[in-house]
Amino acid sequence: MLVMADFVRPLSAELRHIAETELNEVAERLPADLQALRDWLAKQPHLKCRQDAQFLVAFLRGCKFSLEKAKSKLDHFYTIKSMMPEVFGNRQMDERNIALCRTGTYVRLPKPFGTAGPRITLTDYSKFDPKIFKMLDLFRYQTLLMERQIREDDNSIISGYIEIIDLSQMSLSFVAQMDFTLIKKMGVFAEKASPTRMKGVHLVNCPKEAAAVLNLAKSLMPTKLQNRFYVHKNMEQLFEIIPREYLPEEYGGDNGRIGDIIAQMEQEMLGYNDYLKEENDYGVNEQLRPGKRLSPDTLFGIEGSFRKLDID
């Protein structure tokens, strides 16, 4: 008898084809793969992890059904979250996150890039007020959406996601407060822990004053991720790769209206507050880890800290 914990959302025919041909998914073998992960989790005294099928299958798909890689990614997912309480601790769609959502700084666009293609996100720094918000606030908000993305967005898990970052009106005071230690940690999380598949980050309209700083931030990313950063002088260059139609109406496309997208995102994330509260019950206890314990220094490879820049 099928129970909800064993339910995996059916895929469209197009996504199913990608899962089978690119991610090595075999529908008939899925129950055994899920059970293998659960059997392994039962033997990990240090790790308390969600075990419902929809959550676990995201990690199997994100690791192309390599059980060993999925085990490692699950462990890192909760290990890094436990070691970064400033980002992942006690998160809710509270008043601050609602306020950041309503700015429209970061939106997930409704239509993916092509049939069964990657999800597209848009960050517009002209809407980010560094006098009110900090980079940490943005990362906390983005990872809130990631929690829902893991469970609900098959395109992001199977086909990946593309980030478009519009820097045309990026405040230099925001550049000045960039936290490079935090950026490096988030890069490690993206590589080692997240089951979503980043296909590319497209920087558009980058002001020359910020270019050197952004290049430094990029250099802190794992090499695998560095190779997926692309810089475009203007929107027309971007449209040669991602046609205008995949951008919101405000950019001349037909991929939703930003105001409507914001309202829907807010309601969806408010509905996830119970789930986010439950996340506080999951994590790792390094005192119980078999073998060598991990620490932030060994995990992130950070010695000391980066100084914040002083920009006139």
Protein backbone atom coordinates (compact mmCIF):
# COMPACT_ATOMS: atom_id res chain seq x y z
CA MET A 1 0.00 0.00 0.00
CA LEU A 2 1.34 3.44 -1.01
CA VAL A 3 1.65 5.99 1.81
CA MET A 4 2.33 9.70 1.41
CA ALA A 5 5.91 9.30 2.65
CA ASP A 6 6.52 7.03 -0.36
CA PHE A 7 4.76 9.24 -2.91
CA VAL A 8 6.83 10.81 -5.67
CA ARG A 9 5.10 13.36 -7.89
CA PRO A 10 4.63 12.12 -11.47
CA LEU A 11 6.77 13.84 -14.10
CA SER A 12 5.75 15.18 -17.47
CA ALA A 13 6.82 13.03 -20.41
CA GLU A 14 9.54 15.55 -21.30
CA LEU A 15 11.01 15.69 -17.80
CA ARG A 16 10.74 11.90 -17.50
CA HIS A 17 12.82 11.55 -20.67
CA ILE A 18 15.54 13.84 -19.27
CA ALA A 19 15.52 12.02 -15.93
CA GLU A 20 15.97 8.68 -17.66
CA THR A 21 18.51 9.68 -20.31
CA GLU A 22 20.60 12.26 -18.41
CA LEU A 23 20.15 11.38 -14.74
CA ASN A 24 20.07 7.56 -14.98
CA GLU A 25 16.65 7.32 -13.34
CA VAL A 26 14.94 3.92 -13.63
CA ALA A 27 11.36 4.06 -12.37
CA GLU A 28 11.26 0.38 -11.46
CA ARG A 29 14.42 0.73 -9.35
CA LEU A 30 13.34 3.87 -7.49
CA PRO A 31 11.80 2.11 -4.44
CA ALA A 32 15.03 0.15 -3.93
CA ASP A 33 17.16 3.29 -4.30
CA LEU A 34 15.04 5.13 -1.74
CA GLN A 35 15.24 2.20 0.67
CA ALA A 36 19.03 2.08 0.27
CA LEU A 37 19.23 5.73 1.33
CA ARG A 38 16.94 5.13 4.30
CA ASP A 39 18.95 2.07 5.37
CA TRP A 40 22.11 4.17 5.26
CA LEU A 41 20.52 7.03 7.20
CA ALA A 42 19.46 4.59 9.91
CA LYS A 43 23.15 3.82 10.48
CA GLN A 44 24.24 7.47 10.80
CA PRO A 45 24.00 8.39 14.50
CA HIS A 46 25.09 11.98 13.86
CA LEU A 47 22.58 12.76 11.10
CA LYS A 48 18.86 13.44 11.49
CA CYS A 49 17.39 13.83 8.01
CA ARG A 50 14.01 14.03 6.32
CA GLN A 51 13.16 10.67 4.79
CA ASP A 52 10.03 11.18 2.71
CA ALA A 53 10.38 10.04 -0.89
CA GLN A 54 9.89 13.42 -2.59
CA PHE A 55 12.73 14.94 -0.57
CA LEU A 56 15.12 12.02 -1.03
CA VAL A 57 14.47 11.63 -4.75
CA ALA A 58 15.62 15.22 -5.27
CA PHE A 59 19.07 14.24 -3.99
CA LEU A 60 19.15 11.07 -6.10
CA ARG A 61 18.29 13.10 -9.19
CA GLY A 62 20.74 15.84 -8.25
CA CYS A 63 23.48 13.18 -8.07
CA LYS A 64 22.45 11.33 -11.25
CA PHE A 65 21.38 8.39 -9.11
CA SER A 66 24.80 7.75 -7.65
CA LEU A 67 23.91 6.47 -4.18
CA GLU A 68 27.33 7.37 -2.77
CA LYS A 69 27.11 10.95 -4.06
CA ALA A 70 23.55 11.27 -2.78
CA LYS A 71 24.67 10.11 0.69
CA SER A 72 27.48 12.67 0.67
CA LYS A 73 25.18 15.47 -0.49
CA LEU A 74 22.55 14.67 2.16
CA ASP A 75 25.22 14.67 4.86
CA HIS A 76 26.67 17.97 3.62
CA PHE A 77 23.17 19.48 3.29
CA TYR A 78 22.47 19.14 6.98
CA THR A 79 26.08 19.56 8.11
CA ILE A 80 26.50 22.92 6.40
CA LYS A 81 23.07 24.09 7.53
CA SER A 82 24.03 23.22 11.10
CA MET A 83 27.32 25.10 10.76
CA MET A 84 25.73 28.20 9.24
CA PRO A 85 23.00 29.19 11.71
CA GLU A 86 23.33 32.81 10.54
CA VAL A 87 21.78 31.69 7.22
CA PHE A 88 19.84 28.53 8.02
CA GLY A 89 18.80 28.92 11.65
CA ASN A 90 15.17 29.51 12.67
CA ARG A 91 13.99 30.60 9.26
CA GLN A 92 10.41 31.69 8.64
CA MET A 93 8.59 33.77 6.09
CA ASP A 94 8.54 36.55 8.68
CA GLU A 95 8.03 40.30 8.26
CA ARG A 96 11.63 40.88 7.12
CA ASN A 97 11.51 38.16 4.49
CA ILE A 98 8.09 39.33 3.35
CA ALA A 99 9.49 42.85 2.98
CA LEU A 100 12.43 41.56 0.93
CA CYS A 101 10.10 39.45 -1.21
CA ARG A 102 7.93 42.47 -1.95
CA THR A 103 10.89 44.48 -3.25
CA GLY A 104 11.13 42.12 -6.24
CA THR A 105 14.90 41.89 -5.83
CA TYR A 106 14.79 38.12 -6.37
CA VAL A 107 12.05 36.34 -8.32
CA ARG A 108 11.57 32.91 -9.82
CA LEU A 109 9.96 33.17 -13.23
CA PRO A 110 6.96 30.95 -13.97
CA LYS A 111 7.97 29.67 -17.39
CA PRO A 112 11.17 27.58 -17.65
CA PHE A 113 13.72 28.00 -20.42
CA GLY A 114 12.14 25.87 -23.14
CA THR A 115 10.06 22.72 -22.88
CA ALA A 116 11.07 20.95 -19.66
CA GLY A 117 14.06 23.30 -19.49
CA PRO A 118 15.85 24.95 -16.57
CA ARG A 119 14.04 27.24 -14.17
CA ILE A 120 14.98 30.93 -14.54
CA THR A 121 15.55 33.30 -11.63
CA LEU A 122 16.03 37.05 -11.88
CA THR A 123 17.89 39.24 -9.40
CA ASP A 124 17.52 42.99 -9.89
CA TYR A 125 19.84 44.90 -7.58
CA SER A 126 18.19 48.22 -8.39
CA LYS A 127 15.43 47.08 -6.01
CA PHE A 128 17.80 46.13 -3.18
CA ASP A 129 18.29 48.91 -0.63
CA PRO A 130 21.56 48.27 1.29
CA LYS A 131 20.44 50.73 3.95
CA ILE A 132 17.63 48.33 4.84
CA PHE A 133 18.93 44.89 3.84
CA LYS A 134 22.28 43.14 3.84
CA MET A 135 23.70 40.33 1.74
CA LEU A 136 22.92 37.93 4.59
CA ASP A 137 19.24 38.86 4.34
CA LEU A 138 19.25 38.05 0.63
CA PHE A 139 20.94 34.68 1.14
CA ARG A 140 18.51 33.79 3.93
CA TYR A 141 15.58 34.62 1.67
CA GLN A 142 16.99 32.76 -1.33
CA THR A 143 17.57 29.63 0.75
CA LEU A 144 13.99 29.81 2.00
CA LEU A 145 12.85 29.52 -1.59
CA MET A 146 15.37 26.73 -2.14
CA GLU A 147 13.63 24.59 0.50
CA ARG A 148 10.40 24.75 -1.47
CA GLN A 149 12.25 24.36 -4.76
CA ILE A 150 13.71 21.03 -3.63
CA ARG A 151 10.26 19.60 -2.97
CA GLU A 152 8.12 21.34 -5.59
CA ASP A 153 10.17 22.35 -8.63
CA ASP A 154 10.97 19.34 -10.81
CA ASN A 155 12.48 21.58 -13.50
CA SER A 156 15.14 22.88 -11.09
CA ILE A 157 16.04 19.41 -9.88
CA ILE A 158 16.01 17.63 -13.24
CA SER A 159 16.91 20.34 -15.77
CA GLY A 160 18.64 22.78 -13.42
CA TYR A 161 18.28 26.51 -13.05
CA ILE A 162 19.66 29.67 -14.64
CA GLU A 163 20.26 32.90 -12.74
CA ILE A 164 20.06 36.28 -14.43
CA ILE A 165 21.52 39.11 -12.35
CA ASP A 166 20.79 42.65 -13.51
CA LEU A 167 23.51 44.95 -12.13
CA SER A 168 22.56 48.08 -14.03
CA GLN A 169 21.74 50.05 -10.88
CA MET A 170 23.72 48.12 -8.29
CA SER A 171 24.52 50.33 -5.32
CA LEU A 172 28.21 50.73 -4.54
CA SER A 173 27.28 50.77 -0.86
CA PHE A 174 26.06 47.20 -1.37
CA VAL A 175 29.37 46.30 -3.02
CA ALA A 176 31.16 47.77 -0.01
CA GLN A 177 29.32 45.50 2.41
CA MET A 178 29.96 42.29 0.46
CA ASP A 179 30.89 39.50 2.88
CA PHE A 180 33.43 37.31 1.07
CA THR A 181 33.56 34.68 3.80
CA LEU A 182 29.80 34.26 3.48
CA ILE A 183 30.05 34.12 -0.33
CA LYS A 184 32.65 31.35 -0.13
CA LYS A 185 30.53 29.36 2.31
CA MET A 186 27.50 29.64 0.05
CA GLY A 187 29.61 28.47 -2.88
CA VAL A 188 30.60 25.36 -0.92
CA PHE A 189 26.94 24.77 -0.05
CA ALA A 190 25.92 25.08 -3.71
CA GLU A 191 28.56 22.57 -4.80
CA LYS A 192 28.51 20.02 -1.99
CA ALA A 193 25.03 20.21 -0.51
CA SER A 194 22.35 21.51 -2.85
CA PRO A 195 20.53 18.97 -5.05
CA THR A 196 19.49 21.69 -7.50
CA ARG A 197 21.63 21.89 -10.64
CA MET A 198 23.05 25.33 -11.49
CA LYS A 199 23.40 25.62 -15.26
CA GLY A 200 24.58 29.21 -15.47
CA VAL A 201 24.77 32.64 -13.84
CA HIS A 202 24.39 35.50 -16.31
CA LEU A 203 25.60 38.92 -15.11
CA VAL A 204 24.18 41.82 -17.14
CA ASN A 205 24.98 45.53 -17.16
CA CYS A 206 27.88 45.21 -14.73
CA PRO A 207 29.26 48.66 -13.77
CA LYS A 208 33.03 48.92 -14.07
CA GLU A 209 33.31 50.03 -10.44
CA ALA A 210 31.92 46.68 -9.32
CA ALA A 211 33.59 44.40 -11.87
CA ALA A 212 36.80 43.79 -9.89
CA VAL A 213 34.86 43.05 -6.70
CA LEU A 214 32.53 40.65 -8.48
CA ASN A 215 35.49 38.89 -10.09
CA LEU A 216 36.93 38.41 -6.61
CA ALA A 217 33.62 36.98 -5.40
CA LYS A 218 33.55 34.65 -8.40
CA SER A 219 37.11 33.47 -7.65
CA LEU A 220 35.92 32.24 -4.25
CA MET A 221 33.47 29.87 -5.89
CA PRO A 222 34.43 26.23 -6.50
CA THR A 223 36.05 25.85 -9.95
CA LYS A 224 33.07 23.89 -11.24
CA LEU A 225 30.80 26.86 -10.52
CA GLN A 226 33.24 29.52 -11.74
CA ASN A 227 33.01 28.06 -15.22
CA ARG A 228 29.28 28.69 -15.26
CA PHE A 229 29.47 32.47 -14.82
CA TYR A 230 28.87 34.60 -17.93
CA VAL A 231 29.14 38.38 -18.27
CA HIS A 232 27.05 40.34 -20.80
CA LYS A 233 27.54 44.03 -21.53
CA ASN A 234 23.85 44.65 -21.98
CA MET A 235 20.47 42.96 -22.23
CA GLU A 236 20.75 42.58 -26.00
CA GLN A 237 23.79 40.32 -25.52
CA LEU A 238 21.85 38.26 -23.00
CA PHE A 239 18.91 37.91 -25.40
CA GLU A 240 21.23 36.16 -27.87
CA ILE A 241 21.45 33.31 -25.34
CA ILE A 242 18.17 33.63 -23.44
CA PRO A 243 15.52 35.12 -25.75
CA ARG A 244 13.58 38.10 -24.49
CA GLU A 245 10.36 36.06 -24.32
CA TYR A 246 11.71 34.24 -21.24
CA LEU A 247 12.03 37.52 -19.29
CA PRO A 248 9.17 39.22 -17.42
CA GLU A 249 6.89 41.78 -19.02
CA GLU A 250 8.91 44.58 -17.43
CA TYR A 251 11.88 43.47 -19.57
CA GLY A 252 9.79 43.21 -22.72
CA GLY A 253 9.10 39.49 -22.40
CA ASP A 254 6.05 37.41 -21.64
CA ASN A 255 7.26 35.36 -18.67
CA GLY A 256 4.92 36.84 -16.11
CA ARG A 257 4.48 40.23 -14.51
CA ILE A 258 6.83 40.85 -11.58
CA GLY A 259 4.08 42.17 -9.31
CA ASP A 260 2.01 39.02 -9.86
CA ILE A 261 5.05 36.77 -9.38
CA ILE A 262 5.88 38.48 -6.08
CA ALA A 263 2.34 38.05 -4.75
CA GLN A 264 2.29 34.36 -5.65
CA MET A 265 5.76 33.74 -4.16
CA GLU A 266 4.70 35.40 -0.90
CA GLN A 267 1.63 33.22 -0.54
CA GLU A 268 3.49 30.04 -1.46
CA MET A 269 6.23 30.68 1.07
CA LEU A 270 3.80 31.63 3.85
CA GLY A 271 2.31 28.19 3.27
CA TYR A 272 5.74 26.66 3.91
CA ASN A 273 6.27 28.10 7.38
CA ASP A 274 5.31 24.85 9.13
CA TYR A 275 7.76 22.96 6.93
CA LEU A 276 10.50 25.47 7.70
CA LYS A 277 9.78 25.19 11.41
CA GLU A 278 10.17 21.42 11.14
CA GLU A 279 13.63 21.93 9.62
CA ASN A 280 14.86 23.04 13.04
CA ASP A 281 14.46 19.42 14.16
CA TYR A 282 16.90 18.15 11.53
CA GLY A 283 20.67 18.50 11.38
CA VAL A 284 23.89 16.92 12.58
CA ASN A 285 25.57 16.34 15.92
CA GLU A 286 29.32 16.25 15.30
CA GLN A 287 29.89 14.61 18.68
CA LEU A 288 28.14 11.52 17.33
CA ARG A 289 29.75 11.43 13.87
CA PRO A 290 31.60 8.15 13.23
CA GLY A 291 35.26 8.76 12.37
CA LYS A 292 36.75 12.21 11.96
CA ARG A 293 34.55 15.10 12.97
CA LEU A 294 34.03 18.07 10.67
CA SER A 295 34.53 21.71 11.56
CA PRO A 296 33.79 24.95 9.69
CA ASP A 297 37.52 25.40 8.95
CA THR A 298 37.89 21.97 7.37
CA LEU A 299 34.54 22.14 5.60
CA PHE A 300 34.84 25.62 4.11
CA GLY A 301 38.62 25.91 3.90
CA ILE A 302 38.54 29.36 5.44
CA GLU A 303 41.37 30.61 7.58
CA GLY A 304 40.76 33.91 9.27
CA SER A 305 38.25 36.13 7.55
CA PHE A 306 38.06 38.56 4.67
CA ARG A 307 37.88 42.24 5.42
CA LYS A 308 35.02 44.23 4.06
CA LEU A 309 36.00 46.71 1.37
CA ASP A 310 36.13 50.43 1.90
CA ILE A 311 34.82 52.17 -1.21
CA ASP A 312 34.58 55.92 -1.46
